[in-house]
């Protein structure tokens, strides 16, 4: 059962949004031991301790492969469910003509000849990204699930930050996409 909470959001000045109603999941975290138990349940030939050991090495192994330029794919049969990969961006964001002129006053246009050098000047940063594919949602639907509303709450109006950098409003709650509404559990 997937639990959720209905939120009556009073609005967000910075996003220029008014009142809205959202549903936010209330998730429980599972650790690698719990996932290992489920793997063993799916295939009894894989002992729980072996599955847990493999899962324990996943992060390091994935990072080493990503450092070599690979995307890590999780599959169900031939269907890709999820990809974890190194995501690259220029430091400070994209380079437009104004920024290019700050980097090199002699630049008058963005060209094939200067694009590489300008990118090298600012440098590239790498962050790990994870994307799920529609096949993962389809698998979840196939497994079957139900949802249960656990409550309704009000989220206060969020004002823009003041000139001193402090909030001029408050945000006591709400799902910000960072797992803040998650609690650990061992299924």
N, C-alpha and C. Protein backbone atom coordinates (compact mmCIF):
# COMPACT_ATOMS: atom_id res chain seq x y z
N UNK A 1 0.84 -1.17 0.00
CA UNK A 1 0.00 0.00 0.00
C UNK A 1 0.89 1.24 0.00
N UNK A 2 0.63 2.15 -0.89
CA UNK A 2 1.36 3.41 -0.95
C UNK A 2 0.50 4.47 -0.25
N UNK A 3 1.06 5.07 0.78
CA UNK A 3 0.33 6.08 1.52
C UNK A 3 0.67 7.47 0.99
N UNK A 4 -0.32 8.37 1.10
CA UNK A 4 -0.08 9.73 0.65
C UNK A 4 -0.83 10.71 1.54
N UNK A 5 -0.44 11.96 1.40
CA UNK A 5 -1.06 13.04 2.15
C UNK A 5 -1.48 14.10 1.14
N UNK A 6 -2.69 14.62 1.31
CA UNK A 6 -3.17 15.70 0.46
C UNK A 6 -2.72 17.01 1.08
N UNK A 7 -2.17 17.92 0.27
CA UNK A 7 -1.72 19.21 0.76
C UNK A 7 -2.50 20.32 0.07
N UNK A 8 -3.01 21.23 0.87
CA UNK A 8 -3.60 22.46 0.36
C UNK A 8 -2.49 23.51 0.44
N UNK A 9 -1.89 23.81 -0.71
CA UNK A 9 -0.78 24.75 -0.79
C UNK A 9 -1.35 26.15 -0.98
N UNK A 10 -0.92 27.08 -0.14
CA UNK A 10 -1.44 28.44 -0.20
C UNK A 10 -0.77 29.29 -1.27
N UNK A 11 0.27 28.76 -1.91
CA UNK A 11 0.89 29.48 -3.02
C UNK A 11 2.36 29.74 -2.79
N UNK A 12 3.02 30.17 -3.87
CA UNK A 12 4.45 30.44 -3.83
C UNK A 12 4.70 31.68 -4.66
N UNK A 13 5.15 32.74 -4.00
CA UNK A 13 5.36 34.01 -4.68
C UNK A 13 6.45 33.90 -5.76
N UNK A 14 7.55 33.24 -5.46
CA UNK A 14 8.65 33.13 -6.41
C UNK A 14 8.23 32.37 -7.67
N UNK A 15 7.39 31.37 -7.52
CA UNK A 15 6.92 30.59 -8.66
C UNK A 15 5.66 31.18 -9.28
N UNK A 16 5.17 32.25 -8.68
CA UNK A 16 3.94 32.93 -9.12
C UNK A 16 2.77 31.96 -9.22
N UNK A 17 2.61 31.16 -8.16
CA UNK A 17 1.50 30.22 -8.12
C UNK A 17 0.55 30.61 -7.00
N UNK A 18 -0.70 30.34 -7.22
CA UNK A 18 -1.70 30.56 -6.19
C UNK A 18 -2.00 29.25 -5.49
N UNK A 19 -3.16 29.17 -4.89
CA UNK A 19 -3.55 27.96 -4.17
C UNK A 19 -3.59 26.76 -5.11
N UNK A 20 -3.19 25.61 -4.57
CA UNK A 20 -3.28 24.37 -5.33
C UNK A 20 -3.39 23.21 -4.35
N UNK A 21 -3.84 22.10 -4.86
CA UNK A 21 -3.94 20.87 -4.06
C UNK A 21 -3.03 19.84 -4.71
N UNK A 22 -2.19 19.22 -3.88
CA UNK A 22 -1.28 18.20 -4.38
C UNK A 22 -1.41 16.94 -3.52
N UNK A 23 -0.96 15.83 -4.07
CA UNK A 23 -0.85 14.58 -3.31
C UNK A 23 0.63 14.28 -3.19
N UNK A 24 1.10 14.08 -1.96
CA UNK A 24 2.51 13.79 -1.71
C UNK A 24 2.64 12.42 -1.05
N UNK A 25 3.47 11.59 -1.65
CA UNK A 25 3.67 10.24 -1.13
C UNK A 25 4.34 10.28 0.24
N UNK A 26 3.98 9.32 1.06
CA UNK A 26 4.62 9.10 2.35
C UNK A 26 5.36 7.77 2.20
N UNK A 27 6.67 7.86 2.03
CA UNK A 27 7.45 6.68 1.67
C UNK A 27 8.24 6.16 2.85
N UNK A 28 8.46 4.89 2.83
CA UNK A 28 9.31 4.22 3.81
C UNK A 28 10.54 3.74 3.06
N UNK A 29 11.71 3.97 3.64
CA UNK A 29 12.95 3.51 3.00
C UNK A 29 13.19 2.05 3.33
N UNK A 30 13.73 1.32 2.37
CA UNK A 30 14.17 -0.04 2.67
C UNK A 30 15.67 -0.10 2.43
N UNK A 31 16.35 -0.88 3.24
CA UNK A 31 17.80 -1.00 3.10
C UNK A 31 18.14 -2.18 2.21
N UNK A 32 19.45 -2.39 2.00
CA UNK A 32 19.86 -3.48 1.10
C UNK A 32 19.51 -4.85 1.65
N UNK A 33 19.41 -4.98 2.99
CA UNK A 33 19.01 -6.28 3.56
C UNK A 33 17.58 -6.61 3.17
N UNK A 34 16.71 -5.61 3.23
CA UNK A 34 15.31 -5.84 2.86
C UNK A 34 15.19 -6.15 1.37
N UNK A 35 15.95 -5.44 0.54
CA UNK A 35 15.94 -5.72 -0.89
C UNK A 35 16.50 -7.11 -1.17
N UNK A 36 17.55 -7.50 -0.43
CA UNK A 36 18.13 -8.84 -0.59
C UNK A 36 17.11 -9.92 -0.24
N UNK A 37 16.29 -9.69 0.81
CA UNK A 37 15.24 -10.65 1.15
C UNK A 37 14.25 -10.79 0.00
N UNK A 38 13.90 -9.66 -0.62
CA UNK A 38 12.95 -9.71 -1.72
C UNK A 38 13.56 -10.39 -2.95
N UNK A 39 14.84 -10.17 -3.20
CA UNK A 39 15.52 -10.85 -4.31
C UNK A 39 15.50 -12.36 -4.06
N UNK A 40 15.80 -12.77 -2.83
CA UNK A 40 15.76 -14.20 -2.49
C UNK A 40 14.34 -14.74 -2.65
N UNK A 41 13.35 -13.94 -2.29
CA UNK A 41 11.95 -14.35 -2.45
C UNK A 41 11.62 -14.56 -3.93
N UNK A 42 12.15 -13.68 -4.79
CA UNK A 42 11.90 -13.79 -6.24
C UNK A 42 12.64 -14.97 -6.85
N UNK A 43 13.83 -15.29 -6.31
CA UNK A 43 14.63 -16.39 -6.82
C UNK A 43 15.34 -17.05 -5.65
N UNK A 44 14.80 -18.15 -5.16
CA UNK A 44 15.33 -18.80 -3.96
C UNK A 44 16.73 -19.39 -4.17
N UNK A 45 17.22 -19.45 -5.41
CA UNK A 45 18.58 -19.91 -5.66
C UNK A 45 19.62 -18.86 -5.26
N UNK A 46 19.19 -17.63 -5.05
CA UNK A 46 20.10 -16.56 -4.63
C UNK A 46 19.95 -16.37 -3.13
N UNK A 47 20.95 -16.78 -2.35
CA UNK A 47 20.86 -16.61 -0.89
C UNK A 47 20.81 -15.12 -0.52
N UNK A 48 20.09 -14.81 0.56
CA UNK A 48 19.97 -13.43 1.01
C UNK A 48 21.32 -12.78 1.26
N UNK A 49 22.24 -13.52 1.91
CA UNK A 49 23.53 -12.92 2.23
C UNK A 49 24.33 -12.61 0.97
N UNK A 50 24.20 -13.42 -0.07
CA UNK A 50 24.89 -13.15 -1.33
C UNK A 50 24.28 -11.91 -1.99
N UNK A 51 22.96 -11.86 -2.04
CA UNK A 51 22.29 -10.70 -2.62
C UNK A 51 22.66 -9.42 -1.87
N UNK A 52 22.69 -9.48 -0.54
CA UNK A 52 23.05 -8.30 0.27
C UNK A 52 24.49 -7.88 0.00
N UNK A 53 25.38 -8.85 -0.14
CA UNK A 53 26.77 -8.54 -0.42
C UNK A 53 26.92 -7.86 -1.78
N UNK A 54 26.25 -8.39 -2.78
CA UNK A 54 26.29 -7.78 -4.12
C UNK A 54 25.75 -6.35 -4.06
N UNK A 55 24.62 -6.17 -3.41
CA UNK A 55 24.03 -4.83 -3.31
C UNK A 55 24.96 -3.87 -2.55
N UNK A 56 25.70 -4.40 -1.57
CA UNK A 56 26.63 -3.58 -0.80
C UNK A 56 27.78 -3.04 -1.64
N UNK A 57 28.13 -3.74 -2.71
CA UNK A 57 29.20 -3.31 -3.60
C UNK A 57 28.70 -2.50 -4.79
N UNK A 58 27.40 -2.35 -4.90
CA UNK A 58 26.83 -1.71 -6.08
C UNK A 58 27.36 -0.29 -6.29
N UNK A 59 27.32 0.54 -5.26
CA UNK A 59 27.70 1.95 -5.41
C UNK A 59 29.11 2.11 -5.95
N UNK A 60 30.05 1.43 -5.34
CA UNK A 60 31.46 1.54 -5.76
C UNK A 60 31.64 1.02 -7.19
N UNK A 61 31.04 -0.13 -7.50
CA UNK A 61 31.17 -0.69 -8.84
C UNK A 61 30.54 0.24 -9.88
N UNK A 62 29.37 0.78 -9.58
CA UNK A 62 28.70 1.68 -10.52
C UNK A 62 29.52 2.95 -10.73
N UNK A 63 30.08 3.51 -9.66
CA UNK A 63 30.90 4.71 -9.78
C UNK A 63 32.12 4.44 -10.65
N UNK A 64 32.76 3.29 -10.48
CA UNK A 64 33.93 2.97 -11.30
C UNK A 64 33.56 2.86 -12.78
N UNK A 65 32.43 2.23 -13.07
CA UNK A 65 32.00 2.10 -14.47
C UNK A 65 31.58 3.45 -15.05
N UNK A 66 30.89 4.27 -14.26
CA UNK A 66 30.51 5.60 -14.75
C UNK A 66 31.74 6.46 -15.01
N UNK A 67 32.79 6.31 -14.17
CA UNK A 67 34.03 7.05 -14.38
C UNK A 67 34.69 6.66 -15.71
N UNK A 68 34.35 5.49 -16.22
CA UNK A 68 34.87 5.04 -17.52
C UNK A 68 33.92 5.40 -18.66
N UNK A 69 32.82 6.12 -18.36
CA UNK A 69 31.92 6.58 -19.40
C UNK A 69 30.70 5.72 -19.65
N UNK A 70 30.39 4.82 -18.73
CA UNK A 70 29.23 3.96 -18.90
C UNK A 70 28.00 4.51 -18.18
N UNK A 71 26.82 4.20 -18.73
CA UNK A 71 25.55 4.38 -18.04
C UNK A 71 25.18 3.01 -17.48
N UNK A 72 24.70 2.98 -16.25
CA UNK A 72 24.30 1.73 -15.61
C UNK A 72 22.81 1.53 -15.89
N UNK A 73 22.46 0.39 -16.46
CA UNK A 73 21.06 0.10 -16.78
C UNK A 73 20.53 -1.02 -15.89
N UNK A 74 19.36 -0.80 -15.33
CA UNK A 74 18.65 -1.84 -14.59
C UNK A 74 17.55 -2.34 -15.50
N UNK A 75 17.47 -3.66 -15.64
CA UNK A 75 16.52 -4.24 -16.58
C UNK A 75 15.59 -5.24 -15.90
N UNK A 76 14.48 -5.45 -16.54
CA UNK A 76 13.57 -6.54 -16.23
C UNK A 76 13.43 -7.29 -17.55
N UNK A 77 14.14 -8.41 -17.68
CA UNK A 77 14.21 -9.06 -18.98
C UNK A 77 14.96 -8.16 -19.93
N UNK A 78 14.36 -7.84 -21.06
CA UNK A 78 14.98 -6.94 -22.04
C UNK A 78 14.60 -5.48 -21.84
N UNK A 79 13.64 -5.22 -20.94
CA UNK A 79 13.14 -3.86 -20.74
C UNK A 79 14.05 -3.09 -19.79
N UNK A 80 14.53 -1.93 -20.22
CA UNK A 80 15.31 -1.05 -19.35
C UNK A 80 14.32 -0.33 -18.44
N UNK A 81 14.55 -0.45 -17.13
CA UNK A 81 13.68 0.19 -16.15
C UNK A 81 14.26 1.51 -15.65
N UNK A 82 15.60 1.55 -15.51
CA UNK A 82 16.22 2.71 -14.91
C UNK A 82 17.65 2.83 -15.43
N UNK A 83 18.12 4.08 -15.56
CA UNK A 83 19.50 4.35 -15.97
C UNK A 83 20.13 5.30 -14.97
N UNK A 84 21.35 4.99 -14.57
CA UNK A 84 22.15 5.88 -13.73
C UNK A 84 23.37 6.23 -14.57
N UNK A 85 23.67 7.53 -14.67
CA UNK A 85 24.74 7.93 -15.57
C UNK A 85 25.40 9.23 -15.12
N UNK A 86 26.62 9.50 -15.61
CA UNK A 86 27.27 10.77 -15.33
C UNK A 86 26.66 11.85 -16.23
N UNK A 87 26.22 12.93 -15.64
CA UNK A 87 25.57 14.02 -16.36
C UNK A 87 26.50 15.23 -16.31
N UNK A 88 26.94 15.71 -17.46
CA UNK A 88 27.92 16.78 -17.53
C UNK A 88 27.29 18.12 -17.90
N UNK A 89 27.83 19.17 -17.28
CA UNK A 89 27.39 20.54 -17.56
C UNK A 89 28.59 21.46 -17.47
N UNK A 90 28.52 22.58 -18.16
CA UNK A 90 29.57 23.59 -18.04
C UNK A 90 29.46 24.27 -16.68
N UNK A 91 30.61 24.52 -16.04
CA UNK A 91 30.61 25.25 -14.77
C UNK A 91 29.98 26.62 -14.98
N UNK A 92 29.06 26.98 -14.12
CA UNK A 92 28.41 28.28 -14.23
C UNK A 92 27.29 28.33 -15.25
N UNK A 93 26.98 27.22 -15.89
CA UNK A 93 25.88 27.19 -16.85
C UNK A 93 26.34 27.41 -18.28
N UNK A 94 25.39 27.46 -19.18
CA UNK A 94 25.68 27.63 -20.60
C UNK A 94 26.42 28.93 -20.86
N UNK A 95 27.13 28.97 -21.95
CA UNK A 95 27.87 30.17 -22.34
C UNK A 95 27.12 30.87 -23.46
N UNK A 96 26.65 32.06 -23.17
CA UNK A 96 26.05 32.89 -24.22
C UNK A 96 27.12 33.89 -24.67
N UNK A 97 26.77 34.77 -25.60
CA UNK A 97 27.78 35.69 -26.14
C UNK A 97 28.30 36.64 -25.07
N UNK A 98 27.44 37.12 -24.19
CA UNK A 98 27.89 38.03 -23.13
C UNK A 98 28.90 37.34 -22.21
N UNK A 99 28.61 36.11 -21.83
CA UNK A 99 29.55 35.39 -20.97
C UNK A 99 30.84 35.08 -21.73
N UNK A 100 30.73 34.76 -23.01
CA UNK A 100 31.92 34.48 -23.81
C UNK A 100 32.82 35.71 -23.86
N UNK A 101 32.24 36.90 -23.98
CA UNK A 101 33.03 38.13 -24.01
C UNK A 101 33.71 38.39 -22.67
N UNK A 102 33.07 37.99 -21.57
CA UNK A 102 33.71 38.11 -20.26
C UNK A 102 34.92 37.18 -20.17
N UNK A 103 34.79 35.99 -20.75
CA UNK A 103 35.88 35.02 -20.73
C UNK A 103 37.02 35.40 -21.67
N UNK A 104 36.66 35.99 -22.82
CA UNK A 104 37.65 36.38 -23.82
C UNK A 104 37.12 37.61 -24.54
N UNK A 105 37.63 38.80 -24.19
CA UNK A 105 37.12 40.05 -24.79
C UNK A 105 37.23 40.10 -26.32
N UNK A 106 38.04 39.25 -26.92
CA UNK A 106 38.19 39.26 -28.38
C UNK A 106 37.07 38.50 -29.09
N UNK A 107 36.24 37.79 -28.36
CA UNK A 107 35.15 37.02 -28.97
C UNK A 107 34.07 37.97 -29.45
N UNK A 108 33.65 37.82 -30.71
CA UNK A 108 32.56 38.63 -31.26
C UNK A 108 31.35 37.79 -31.64
N UNK A 109 31.55 36.46 -31.65
CA UNK A 109 30.46 35.55 -32.01
C UNK A 109 30.80 34.18 -31.44
N UNK A 110 29.80 33.36 -31.23
CA UNK A 110 30.02 31.98 -30.81
C UNK A 110 30.17 31.15 -32.07
N UNK A 111 31.32 30.50 -32.21
CA UNK A 111 31.61 29.76 -33.43
C UNK A 111 32.15 28.38 -33.10
N UNK A 112 32.23 27.53 -34.12
CA UNK A 112 32.82 26.21 -33.96
C UNK A 112 34.29 26.34 -33.54
N UNK A 113 34.94 27.39 -34.00
CA UNK A 113 36.35 27.58 -33.69
C UNK A 113 36.60 27.94 -32.22
N UNK A 114 35.69 28.70 -31.59
CA UNK A 114 35.95 29.12 -30.20
C UNK A 114 35.13 28.36 -29.16
N UNK A 115 34.18 27.56 -29.59
CA UNK A 115 33.30 26.86 -28.63
C UNK A 115 34.08 25.94 -27.70
N UNK A 116 34.97 25.15 -28.25
CA UNK A 116 35.75 24.22 -27.43
C UNK A 116 36.63 24.93 -26.43
N UNK A 117 37.33 26.00 -26.86
CA UNK A 117 38.21 26.74 -25.96
C UNK A 117 37.42 27.43 -24.85
N UNK A 118 36.26 27.98 -25.17
CA UNK A 118 35.44 28.64 -24.15
C UNK A 118 34.95 27.63 -23.12
N UNK A 119 34.54 26.46 -23.59
CA UNK A 119 34.09 25.41 -22.67
C UNK A 119 35.24 24.97 -21.77
N UNK A 120 36.44 24.85 -22.35
CA UNK A 120 37.61 24.46 -21.56
C UNK A 120 37.92 25.51 -20.50
N UNK A 121 37.76 26.79 -20.83
CA UNK A 121 38.04 27.87 -19.87
C UNK A 121 37.16 27.77 -18.63
N UNK A 122 35.87 27.46 -18.83
CA UNK A 122 34.98 27.40 -17.66
C UNK A 122 35.02 26.04 -16.98
N UNK A 123 35.34 25.00 -17.72
CA UNK A 123 35.40 23.66 -17.16
C UNK A 123 34.05 22.98 -17.14
N UNK A 124 34.11 21.69 -16.89
CA UNK A 124 32.91 20.85 -16.90
C UNK A 124 32.76 20.20 -15.54
N UNK A 125 31.54 20.17 -15.02
CA UNK A 125 31.29 19.44 -13.77
C UNK A 125 30.42 18.23 -14.07
N UNK A 126 30.53 17.24 -13.21
CA UNK A 126 29.83 15.98 -13.39
C UNK A 126 28.97 15.70 -12.17
N UNK A 127 27.73 15.36 -12.40
CA UNK A 127 26.83 14.92 -11.34
C UNK A 127 26.20 13.61 -11.79
N UNK A 128 25.91 12.76 -10.82
CA UNK A 128 25.26 11.50 -11.15
C UNK A 128 23.76 11.75 -11.25
N UNK A 129 23.16 11.23 -12.30
CA UNK A 129 21.72 11.34 -12.49
C UNK A 129 21.12 9.95 -12.60
N UNK A 130 19.86 9.89 -12.24
CA UNK A 130 19.12 8.64 -12.35
C UNK A 130 17.79 8.95 -13.01
N UNK A 131 17.47 8.20 -14.04
CA UNK A 131 16.20 8.38 -14.73
C UNK A 131 15.49 7.04 -14.83
N UNK A 132 14.20 7.07 -14.57
CA UNK A 132 13.41 5.85 -14.73
C UNK A 132 12.71 5.90 -16.08
N UNK A 133 12.45 4.73 -16.59
CA UNK A 133 11.78 4.60 -17.88
C UNK A 133 10.33 4.19 -17.64
N UNK A 134 9.49 4.39 -18.63
CA UNK A 134 8.07 4.08 -18.51
C UNK A 134 7.85 2.59 -18.20
N UNK A 135 8.76 1.74 -18.62
CA UNK A 135 8.62 0.31 -18.35
C UNK A 135 8.63 0.01 -16.85
N UNK A 136 9.30 0.87 -16.05
CA UNK A 136 9.31 0.66 -14.59
C UNK A 136 7.92 0.95 -14.02
N UNK A 137 7.29 2.01 -14.49
CA UNK A 137 5.92 2.32 -14.06
C UNK A 137 4.97 1.22 -14.49
N UNK A 138 5.15 0.72 -15.70
CA UNK A 138 4.30 -0.37 -16.18
C UNK A 138 4.49 -1.62 -15.32
N UNK A 139 5.72 -1.90 -14.88
CA UNK A 139 5.98 -3.05 -14.02
C UNK A 139 5.30 -2.86 -12.66
N UNK A 140 5.37 -1.65 -12.12
CA UNK A 140 4.70 -1.37 -10.85
C UNK A 140 3.19 -1.57 -11.00
N UNK A 141 2.63 -1.11 -12.09
CA UNK A 141 1.20 -1.30 -12.33
C UNK A 141 0.86 -2.79 -12.45
N UNK A 142 1.73 -3.54 -13.12
CA UNK A 142 1.51 -4.97 -13.29
C UNK A 142 1.55 -5.68 -11.93
N UNK A 143 2.45 -5.26 -11.05
CA UNK A 143 2.55 -5.85 -9.71
C UNK A 143 1.29 -5.54 -8.90
N UNK A 144 0.64 -4.47 -9.24
CA UNK A 144 -0.57 -4.07 -8.52
C UNK A 144 -0.22 -3.28 -7.29
N UNK A 145 -0.93 -2.24 -7.04
CA UNK A 145 -0.72 -1.43 -5.85
C UNK A 145 -2.04 -0.77 -5.49
N UNK A 146 -2.10 -0.31 -4.28
CA UNK A 146 -3.24 0.48 -3.85
C UNK A 146 -2.70 1.70 -3.12
N UNK A 147 -3.50 2.72 -3.04
CA UNK A 147 -3.09 3.94 -2.35
C UNK A 147 -4.06 4.20 -1.21
N UNK A 148 -3.53 4.85 -0.18
CA UNK A 148 -4.35 5.18 0.99
C UNK A 148 -4.01 6.59 1.44
N UNK A 149 -5.03 7.43 1.57
CA UNK A 149 -4.83 8.79 2.06
C UNK A 149 -4.70 8.75 3.57
N UNK A 150 -3.60 9.34 4.06
CA UNK A 150 -3.35 9.36 5.50
C UNK A 150 -3.72 10.68 6.14
N UNK A 151 -4.03 11.69 5.37
CA UNK A 151 -4.41 12.96 5.97
C UNK A 151 -4.41 14.09 4.96
N UNK A 152 -4.78 15.24 5.48
CA UNK A 152 -4.79 16.47 4.69
C UNK A 152 -4.11 17.52 5.54
N UNK A 153 -3.22 18.31 4.92
CA UNK A 153 -2.57 19.38 5.67
C UNK A 153 -2.51 20.63 4.82
N UNK A 154 -2.29 21.74 5.47
CA UNK A 154 -2.17 23.02 4.80
C UNK A 154 -0.70 23.44 4.80
N UNK A 155 -0.22 23.90 3.65
CA UNK A 155 1.13 24.40 3.54
C UNK A 155 1.04 25.91 3.34
N UNK A 156 1.68 26.66 4.23
CA UNK A 156 1.60 28.12 4.24
C UNK A 156 2.13 28.73 2.95
N UNK A 157 1.69 29.95 2.68
CA UNK A 157 2.16 30.72 1.54
C UNK A 157 3.67 30.92 1.67
N UNK A 158 4.37 30.76 0.56
CA UNK A 158 5.82 30.93 0.56
C UNK A 158 6.15 32.22 -0.17
N UNK A 159 6.64 33.20 0.59
CA UNK A 159 7.00 34.49 0.01
C UNK A 159 8.42 34.43 -0.52
N UNK A 160 8.75 35.39 -1.41
CA UNK A 160 10.12 35.49 -1.92
C UNK A 160 11.07 35.79 -0.77
N UNK A 161 12.34 35.45 -0.96
CA UNK A 161 13.34 35.79 0.03
C UNK A 161 13.52 37.30 0.04
N UNK A 162 13.73 37.85 1.24
CA UNK A 162 13.96 39.28 1.39
C UNK A 162 15.34 39.68 0.89
N UNK A 163 15.62 40.97 0.82
CA UNK A 163 16.90 41.44 0.31
C UNK A 163 18.06 41.05 1.21
N UNK A 164 17.77 40.72 2.50
CA UNK A 164 18.83 40.27 3.40
C UNK A 164 19.10 38.78 3.27
N UNK A 165 18.39 38.11 2.33
CA UNK A 165 18.59 36.69 2.11
C UNK A 165 17.71 35.82 2.96
N UNK A 166 17.04 36.40 3.94
CA UNK A 166 16.16 35.62 4.80
C UNK A 166 14.80 35.44 4.18
N UNK A 167 14.12 34.41 4.62
CA UNK A 167 12.77 34.18 4.13
C UNK A 167 11.83 35.23 4.68
N UNK A 168 10.92 35.67 3.83
CA UNK A 168 9.89 36.60 4.30
C UNK A 168 8.60 35.86 4.59
N UNK A 169 8.61 34.57 4.36
CA UNK A 169 7.46 33.72 4.66
C UNK A 169 7.99 32.43 5.23
N UNK A 170 7.11 31.48 5.46
CA UNK A 170 7.64 30.22 5.97
C UNK A 170 7.07 29.06 5.19
N UNK A 171 7.82 27.99 5.19
CA UNK A 171 7.41 26.76 4.52
C UNK A 171 7.55 25.64 5.53
N UNK A 172 6.55 25.40 6.34
CA UNK A 172 6.69 24.42 7.40
C UNK A 172 6.74 22.99 6.91
N UNK A 173 6.36 22.74 5.68
CA UNK A 173 6.26 21.35 5.26
C UNK A 173 6.16 21.26 3.75
N UNK A 174 5.94 20.07 3.28
CA UNK A 174 5.73 19.85 1.86
C UNK A 174 6.81 18.96 1.29
N UNK A 175 6.46 18.20 0.29
CA UNK A 175 7.40 17.30 -0.35
C UNK A 175 8.25 18.11 -1.30
N UNK A 176 9.53 18.21 -1.02
CA UNK A 176 10.44 18.97 -1.85
C UNK A 176 11.24 18.07 -2.79
N UNK A 177 10.88 16.80 -2.87
CA UNK A 177 11.56 15.90 -3.77
C UNK A 177 12.89 15.40 -3.24
N UNK A 178 13.18 15.62 -1.97
CA UNK A 178 14.46 15.20 -1.42
C UNK A 178 14.31 14.09 -0.40
N UNK A 179 13.19 13.44 -0.40
CA UNK A 179 12.99 12.33 0.52
C UNK A 179 12.68 12.75 1.94
N UNK A 180 12.41 14.02 2.14
CA UNK A 180 12.15 14.53 3.48
C UNK A 180 10.93 13.92 4.15
N UNK A 181 10.08 13.29 3.34
CA UNK A 181 8.89 12.67 3.92
C UNK A 181 9.07 11.17 4.04
N UNK A 182 10.32 10.71 3.98
CA UNK A 182 10.59 9.29 4.05
C UNK A 182 11.06 8.88 5.44
N UNK A 183 10.74 7.67 5.81
CA UNK A 183 11.16 7.12 7.08
C UNK A 183 11.76 5.74 6.84
N UNK A 184 12.83 5.39 7.60
CA UNK A 184 13.43 4.08 7.37
C UNK A 184 12.53 2.95 7.85
N UNK A 185 12.59 1.85 7.15
CA UNK A 185 11.83 0.66 7.54
C UNK A 185 12.51 -0.56 6.95
N UNK A 186 12.34 -1.66 7.58
CA UNK A 186 12.80 -2.92 7.04
C UNK A 186 11.57 -3.77 6.74
N UNK A 187 11.19 -3.89 5.46
CA UNK A 187 10.00 -4.68 5.11
C UNK A 187 10.15 -6.14 5.49
